[in-house]
C-alpha atoms as a PDB file:
ATOM      1  CA  UNK A   1      75.437 -36.036   5.790  1.00  0.00           C
ATOM      2  CA  UNK A   2      74.661 -33.000   3.628  1.00  0.00           C
ATOM      3  CA  UNK A   3      78.246 -31.810   3.952  1.00  0.00           C
ATOM      4  CA  UNK A   4      79.616 -35.158   2.755  1.00  0.00           C
ATOM      5  CA  UNK A   5      77.156 -35.229  -0.153  1.00  0.00           C
ATOM      6  CA  UNK A   6      78.071 -31.681  -1.208  1.00  0.00           C
ATOM      7  CA  UNK A   7      81.782 -32.489  -0.919  1.00  0.00           C
ATOM      8  CA  UNK A   8      81.278 -35.582  -3.055  1.00  0.00           C
ATOM      9  CA  UNK A   9      79.345 -33.626  -5.709  1.00  0.00           C
ATOM     10  CA  UNK A  10      82.032 -30.911  -5.743  1.00  0.00           C
ATOM     11  CA  UNK A  11      84.754 -33.544  -6.111  1.00  0.00           C
ATOM     12  CA  UNK A  12      82.940 -35.216  -9.010  1.00  0.00           C
ATOM     13  CA  UNK A  13      82.362 -31.867 -10.673  1.00  0.00           C
ATOM     14  CA  UNK A  14      86.042 -30.923 -10.293  1.00  0.00           C
ATOM     15  CA  UNK A  15      87.136 -34.289 -11.598  1.00  0.00           C
ATOM     16  CA  UNK A  16      84.891 -33.927 -14.641  1.00  0.00           C
ATOM     17  CA  UNK A  17      86.004 -30.378 -15.402  1.00  0.00           C
ATOM     18  CA  UNK A  18      89.721 -30.856 -14.920  1.00  0.00           C
ATOM     19  CA  UNK A  19      90.030 -34.173 -16.732  1.00  0.00           C
ATOM     20  CA  UNK A  20      88.053 -32.839 -19.669  1.00  0.00           C
ATOM     21  CA  UNK A  21      90.037 -29.610 -20.062  1.00  0.00           C
ATOM     22  CA  UNK A  22      92.392 -31.072 -22.657  1.00  0.00           C
ATOM     23  CA  UNK A  23      89.464 -32.365 -24.663  1.00  0.00           C
ATOM     24  CA  UNK A  24      87.754 -28.974 -24.514  1.00  0.00           C
ATOM     25  CA  UNK A  25      90.947 -27.253 -25.648  1.00  0.00           C
ATOM     26  CA  UNK A  26      91.212 -29.645 -28.582  1.00  0.00           C
ATOM     27  CA  UNK A  27      87.566 -29.121 -29.490  1.00  0.00           C
ATOM     28  CA  UNK A  28      87.944 -25.360 -29.459  1.00  0.00           C
ATOM     29  CA  UNK A  29      91.046 -25.333 -31.658  1.00  0.00           C
ATOM     30  CA  UNK A  30      90.560 -23.666 -35.018  1.00  0.00           C
ATOM     31  CA  UNK A  31      90.089 -26.287 -37.716  1.00  0.00           C
ATOM     32  CA  UNK A  32      89.971 -29.240 -35.358  1.00  0.00           C
ATOM     33  CA  UNK A  33      89.096 -32.504 -37.098  1.00  0.00           C
ATOM     34  CA  UNK A  34      86.026 -34.182 -35.637  1.00  0.00           C
ATOM     35  CA  UNK A  35      85.882 -37.294 -37.737  1.00  0.00           C
ATOM     36  CA  UNK A  36      87.571 -39.444 -40.283  1.00  0.00           C
ATOM     37  CA  UNK A  37      88.100 -37.580 -43.568  1.00  0.00           C
ATOM     38  CA  UNK A  38      89.155 -40.649 -45.562  1.00  0.00           C
ATOM     39  CA  UNK A  39      86.205 -41.647 -47.785  1.00  0.00           C
ATOM     40  CA  UNK A  40      87.601 -45.185 -48.055  1.00  0.00           C
ATOM     41  CA  UNK A  41      87.409 -45.623 -44.289  1.00  0.00           C
ATOM     42  CA  UNK A  42      84.554 -47.497 -42.662  1.00  0.00           C
ATOM     43  CA  UNK A  43      84.151 -44.574 -40.231  1.00  0.00           C
ATOM     44  CA  UNK A  44      83.649 -41.894 -42.885  1.00  0.00           C
ATOM     45  CA  UNK A  45      80.346 -40.042 -42.736  1.00  0.00           C
ATOM     46  CA  UNK A  46      79.406 -37.935 -45.762  1.00  0.00           C
ATOM     47  CA  UNK A  47      78.914 -34.236 -45.020  1.00  0.00           C
ATOM     48  CA  UNK A  48      77.332 -31.465 -47.070  1.00  0.00           C
ATOM     49  CA  UNK A  49      75.543 -34.012 -49.233  1.00  0.00           C
ATOM     50  CA  UNK A  50      73.376 -32.329 -51.833  1.00  0.00           C
ATOM     51  CA  UNK A  51      70.150 -33.531 -53.337  1.00  0.00           C
ATOM     52  CA  UNK A  52      67.968 -31.927 -55.970  1.00  0.00           C
ATOM     53  CA  UNK A  53      64.263 -32.627 -55.560  1.00  0.00           C
ATOM     54  CA  UNK A  54      61.136 -31.616 -57.402  1.00  0.00           C
ATOM     55  CA  UNK A  55      58.556 -29.515 -55.582  1.00  0.00           C
ATOM     56  CA  UNK A  56      55.146 -30.966 -54.839  1.00  0.00           C
ATOM     57  CA  UNK A  57      52.629 -28.146 -55.222  1.00  0.00           C
ATOM     58  CA  UNK A  58      49.596 -30.081 -53.989  1.00  0.00           C
ATOM     59  CA  UNK A  59      50.731 -32.721 -51.486  1.00  0.00           C
ATOM     60  CA  UNK A  60      48.589 -35.809 -51.231  1.00  0.00           C
ATOM     61  CA  UNK A  61      50.618 -37.269 -48.360  1.00  0.00           C
ATOM     62  CA  UNK A  62      51.714 -40.175 -50.495  1.00  0.00           C
ATOM     63  CA  UNK A  63      54.736 -42.243 -49.551  1.00  0.00           C
ATOM     64  CA  UNK A  64      56.984 -40.412 -52.002  1.00  0.00           C
ATOM     65  CA  UNK A  65      56.138 -36.957 -50.680  1.00  0.00           C
ATOM     66  CA  UNK A  66      57.741 -35.394 -47.657  1.00  0.00           C
ATOM     67  CA  UNK A  67      57.837 -32.011 -45.994  1.00  0.00           C
ATOM     68  CA  UNK A  68      61.321 -30.646 -45.301  1.00  0.00           C
ATOM     69  CA  UNK A  69      62.337 -27.624 -43.287  1.00  0.00           C
ATOM     70  CA  UNK A  70      64.869 -24.923 -44.008  1.00  0.00           C
ATOM     71  CA  UNK A  71      67.279 -23.489 -41.483  1.00  0.00           C
ATOM     72  CA  UNK A  72      64.980 -20.511 -40.939  1.00  0.00           C
ATOM     73  CA  UNK A  73      61.872 -22.625 -40.364  1.00  0.00           C
ATOM     74  CA  UNK A  74      60.274 -22.438 -43.815  1.00  0.00           C
ATOM     75  CA  UNK A  75      58.734 -25.692 -44.998  1.00  0.00           C
ATOM     76  CA  UNK A  76      58.226 -27.124 -48.438  1.00  0.00           C
ATOM     77  CA  UNK A  77      56.865 -30.389 -49.832  1.00  0.00           C
ATOM     78  CA  UNK A  78      59.152 -32.395 -52.117  1.00  0.00           C
ATOM     79  CA  UNK A  79      59.113 -35.639 -54.048  1.00  0.00           C
ATOM     80  CA  UNK A  80      61.546 -37.859 -52.122  1.00  0.00           C
ATOM     81  CA  UNK A  81      62.880 -39.434 -55.314  1.00  0.00           C
ATOM     82  CA  UNK A  82      66.013 -37.396 -55.976  1.00  0.00           C
ATOM     83  CA  UNK A  83      66.502 -35.979 -59.429  1.00  0.00           C
ATOM     84  CA  UNK A  84      70.206 -35.459 -58.759  1.00  0.00           C
ATOM     85  CA  UNK A  85      72.602 -36.017 -55.834  1.00  0.00           C
ATOM     86  CA  UNK A  86      76.194 -35.895 -54.609  1.00  0.00           C
ATOM     87  CA  UNK A  87      76.644 -39.443 -55.897  1.00  0.00           C
ATOM     88  CA  UNK A  88      77.122 -38.096 -59.419  1.00  0.00           C
ATOM     89  CA  UNK A  89      78.940 -34.854 -58.554  1.00  0.00           C
ATOM     90  CA  UNK A  90      82.692 -35.446 -58.662  1.00  0.00           C
ATOM     91  CA  UNK A  91      83.771 -31.906 -57.771  1.00  0.00           C
ATOM     92  CA  UNK A  92      82.401 -28.462 -56.905  1.00  0.00           C
ATOM     93  CA  UNK A  93      83.562 -24.866 -57.124  1.00  0.00           C
ATOM     94  CA  UNK A  94      82.269 -21.711 -55.497  1.00  0.00           C
ATOM     95  CA  UNK A  95      81.228 -18.761 -57.632  1.00  0.00           C
ATOM     96  CA  UNK A  96      80.929 -15.538 -55.642  1.00  0.00           C
ATOM     97  CA  UNK A  97      78.192 -13.236 -56.814  1.00  0.00           C
ATOM     98  CA  UNK A  98      79.477  -9.861 -58.029  1.00  0.00           C
ATOM     99  CA  UNK A  99      78.716  -7.114 -55.540  1.00  0.00           C
ATOM    100  CA  UNK A 100      77.751  -9.514 -52.714  1.00  0.00           C
ATOM    101  CA  UNK A 101      80.588 -11.767 -51.501  1.00  0.00           C
ATOM    102  CA  UNK A 102      78.324 -13.332 -48.838  1.00  0.00           C
ATOM    103  CA  UNK A 103      76.103 -14.967 -51.471  1.00  0.00           C
ATOM    104  CA  UNK A 104      77.484 -17.766 -53.640  1.00  0.00           C
ATOM    105  CA  UNK A 105      76.468 -19.943 -56.517  1.00  0.00           C
ATOM    106  CA  UNK A 106      77.972 -23.329 -57.251  1.00  0.00           C
ATOM    107  CA  UNK A 107      79.576 -24.933 -60.236  1.00  0.00           C
ATOM    108  CA  UNK A 108      79.514 -28.721 -60.102  1.00  0.00           C
ATOM    109  CA  UNK A 109      81.372 -31.309 -62.140  1.00  0.00           C
ATOM    110  CA  UNK A 110      79.247 -34.221 -63.304  1.00  0.00           C
ATOM    111  CA  UNK A 111      80.207 -37.794 -64.000  1.00  0.00           C
ATOM    112  CA  UNK A 112      78.740 -39.694 -66.942  1.00  0.00           C
ATOM    113  CA  UNK A 113      75.492 -40.705 -65.228  1.00  0.00           C
ATOM    114  CA  UNK A 114      75.263 -37.241 -63.686  1.00  0.00           C
ATOM    115  CA  UNK A 115      75.256 -35.666 -67.143  1.00  0.00           C
ATOM    116  CA  UNK A 116      72.314 -37.840 -68.141  1.00  0.00           C
ATOM    117  CA  UNK A 117      70.441 -37.023 -64.934  1.00  0.00           C
ATOM    118  CA  UNK A 118      71.113 -33.321 -65.386  1.00  0.00           C
ATOM    119  CA  UNK A 119      69.959 -33.484 -68.998  1.00  0.00           C
ATOM    120  CA  UNK A 120      66.631 -34.961 -67.904  1.00  0.00           C
ATOM    121  CA  UNK A 121      66.316 -32.495 -65.018  1.00  0.00           C
ATOM    122  CA  UNK A 122      67.188 -29.411 -67.081  1.00  0.00           C
ATOM    123  CA  UNK A 123      64.995 -30.507 -69.973  1.00  0.00           C
ATOM    124  CA  UNK A 124      61.952 -31.377 -67.910  1.00  0.00           C
ATOM    125  CA  UNK A 125      62.172 -28.484 -65.418  1.00  0.00           C
ATOM    126  CA  UNK A 126      63.435 -25.768 -67.743  1.00  0.00           C
ATOM    127  CA  UNK A 127      60.993 -23.142 -66.422  1.00  0.00           C
ATOM    128  CA  UNK A 128      60.072 -24.711 -63.089  1.00  0.00           C
ATOM    129  CA  UNK A 129      62.041 -24.321 -59.858  1.00  0.00           C
ATOM    130  CA  UNK A 130      63.464 -27.338 -58.064  1.00  0.00           C
ATOM    131  CA  UNK A 131      64.825 -27.614 -54.516  1.00  0.00           C
ATOM    132  CA  UNK A 132      68.454 -27.900 -53.457  1.00  0.00           C
ATOM    133  CA  UNK A 133      68.703 -29.714 -50.128  1.00  0.00           C
ATOM    134  CA  UNK A 134      71.924 -30.110 -48.159  1.00  0.00           C
ATOM    135  CA  UNK A 135      72.039 -32.930 -45.621  1.00  0.00           C
ATOM    136  CA  UNK A 136      68.278 -33.292 -45.938  1.00  0.00           C
ATOM    137  CA  UNK A 137      67.485 -29.630 -45.178  1.00  0.00           C
ATOM    138  CA  UNK A 138      65.845 -27.298 -47.661  1.00  0.00           C
ATOM    139  CA  UNK A 139      68.389 -24.704 -48.751  1.00  0.00           C
ATOM    140  CA  UNK A 140      67.295 -22.998 -51.954  1.00  0.00           C
ATOM    141  CA  UNK A 141      65.032 -23.069 -54.990  1.00  0.00           C
ATOM    142  CA  UNK A 142      66.576 -22.705 -58.416  1.00  0.00           C
ATOM    143  CA  UNK A 143      65.807 -23.355 -62.064  1.00  0.00           C
ATOM    144  CA  UNK A 144      68.177 -25.922 -63.623  1.00  0.00           C
ATOM    145  CA  UNK A 145      70.031 -24.389 -66.535  1.00  0.00           C
ATOM    146  CA  UNK A 146      70.939 -25.943 -69.826  1.00  0.00           C
ATOM    147  CA  UNK A 147      74.519 -24.631 -69.957  1.00  0.00           C
ATOM    148  CA  UNK A 148      75.471 -25.062 -73.585  1.00  0.00           C
ATOM    149  CA  UNK A 149      74.138 -23.652 -76.850  1.00  0.00           C
ATOM    150  CA  UNK A 150      75.106 -26.906 -78.602  1.00  0.00           C
ATOM    151  CA  UNK A 151      72.355 -28.815 -76.747  1.00  0.00           C
ATOM    152  CA  UNK A 152      74.954 -30.851 -74.878  1.00  0.00           C
ATOM    153  CA  UNK A 153      75.666 -30.906 -71.181  1.00  0.00           C
ATOM    154  CA  UNK A 154      79.298 -30.134 -70.408  1.00  0.00           C
ATOM    155  CA  UNK A 155      81.217 -31.593 -67.461  1.00  0.00           C
ATOM    156  CA  UNK A 156      80.576 -28.469 -65.344  1.00  0.00           C
ATOM    157  CA  UNK A 157      77.141 -26.960 -64.739  1.00  0.00           C
ATOM    158  CA  UNK A 158      76.215 -23.895 -62.740  1.00  0.00           C
ATOM    159  CA  UNK A 159      73.650 -23.859 -59.966  1.00  0.00           C
ATOM    160  CA  UNK A 160      72.413 -20.323 -59.398  1.00  0.00           C
ATOM    161  CA  UNK A 161      71.263 -20.981 -55.861  1.00  0.00           C
ATOM    162  CA  UNK A 162      72.426 -17.931 -53.891  1.00  0.00           C
ATOM    163  CA  UNK A 163      73.599 -19.728 -50.748  1.00  0.00           C
ATOM    164  CA  UNK A 164      75.806 -18.593 -47.872  1.00  0.00           C
ATOM    165  CA  UNK A 165      79.586 -18.934 -48.102  1.00  0.00           C
ATOM    166  CA  UNK A 166      79.882 -21.419 -45.214  1.00  0.00           C
ATOM    167  CA  UNK A 167      77.587 -23.927 -46.922  1.00  0.00           C
ATOM    168  CA  UNK A 168      79.169 -23.336 -50.323  1.00  0.00           C
ATOM    169  CA  UNK A 169      82.657 -23.947 -48.900  1.00  0.00           C
ATOM    170  CA  UNK A 170      81.446 -27.122 -47.187  1.00  0.00           C
ATOM    171  CA  UNK A 171      79.914 -28.450 -50.408  1.00  0.00           C
ATOM    172  CA  UNK A 172      83.110 -27.669 -52.328  1.00  0.00           C
ATOM    173  CA  UNK A 173      85.332 -29.180 -49.623  1.00  0.00           C
ATOM    174  CA  UNK A 174      83.458 -32.480 -49.335  1.00  0.00           C
ATOM    175  CA  UNK A 175      82.329 -32.959 -52.961  1.00  0.00           C
ATOM    176  CA  UNK A 176      85.247 -35.215 -53.970  1.00  0.00           C
ATOM    177  CA  UNK A 177      85.234 -37.153 -50.704  1.00  0.00           C
ATOM    178  CA  UNK A 178      81.492 -37.775 -50.898  1.00  0.00           C
ATOM    179  CA  UNK A 179      81.840 -38.831 -54.536  1.00  0.00           C
ATOM    180  CA  UNK A 180      84.509 -41.406 -53.629  1.00  0.00           C
ATOM    181  CA  UNK A 181      82.412 -42.602 -50.716  1.00  0.00           C
ATOM    182  CA  UNK A 182      79.329 -43.165 -52.905  1.00  0.00           C
ATOM    183  CA  UNK A 183      81.400 -44.585 -55.787  1.00  0.00           C
ATOM    184  CA  UNK A 184      84.080 -46.780 -54.182  1.00  0.00           C
ATOM    185  CA  UNK A 185      86.976 -48.106 -56.217  1.00  0.00           C
ATOM    186  CA  UNK A 186      85.924 -51.653 -57.102  1.00  0.00           C
ATOM    187  CA  UNK A 187      89.557 -52.794 -57.435  1.00  0.00           C
ATOM    188  CA  UNK A 188      89.898 -52.511 -53.636  1.00  0.00           C
ATOM    189  CA  UNK A 189      86.814 -54.578 -52.806  1.00  0.00           C
ATOM    190  CA  UNK A 190      88.700 -57.872 -52.589  1.00  0.00           C
ATOM    191  CA  UNK A 191      91.943 -56.705 -50.967  1.00  0.00           C
ATOM    192  CA  UNK A 192      92.170 -58.259 -47.527  1.00  0.00           C
END
């Protein structure tokens, strides 16, 4: 009885391993695509979504306060009402820091509402750090900059966040796709 059971388990294991080999090879391929990259598709899931949140210094555990964790385990309390998000960021570029290519800043392109949100954020938190979260995880603190001497926000603003290159490349890669996902083309709403 034991011999039959062991033979059956070995057969199931072999079947699982050998039928899944092609899938494992595909998964291990460099640059394999794991999801739908068309933001107009119903299957698209936004990735590298950014949010800018204000820091709560003295949490009162209210409904709009939440503790988030960074990748290295640090925790910080934030106001869950976003001050800025990927919804109003139509593009992103990576700015490598001189002397340290492993640390990057970001330059983001704002839409019309994004400019207004950034104006409020940069004006109100001119000397106070805010939090940059990516996919709901605390990534960096930074002080929002007012980029222009003319007291006007331009289309592109710089976030001096000092993040790793992998995350910066992901934000830059998915910025346009996430923007189209959060701001769908209304002319296609009624096409059946």
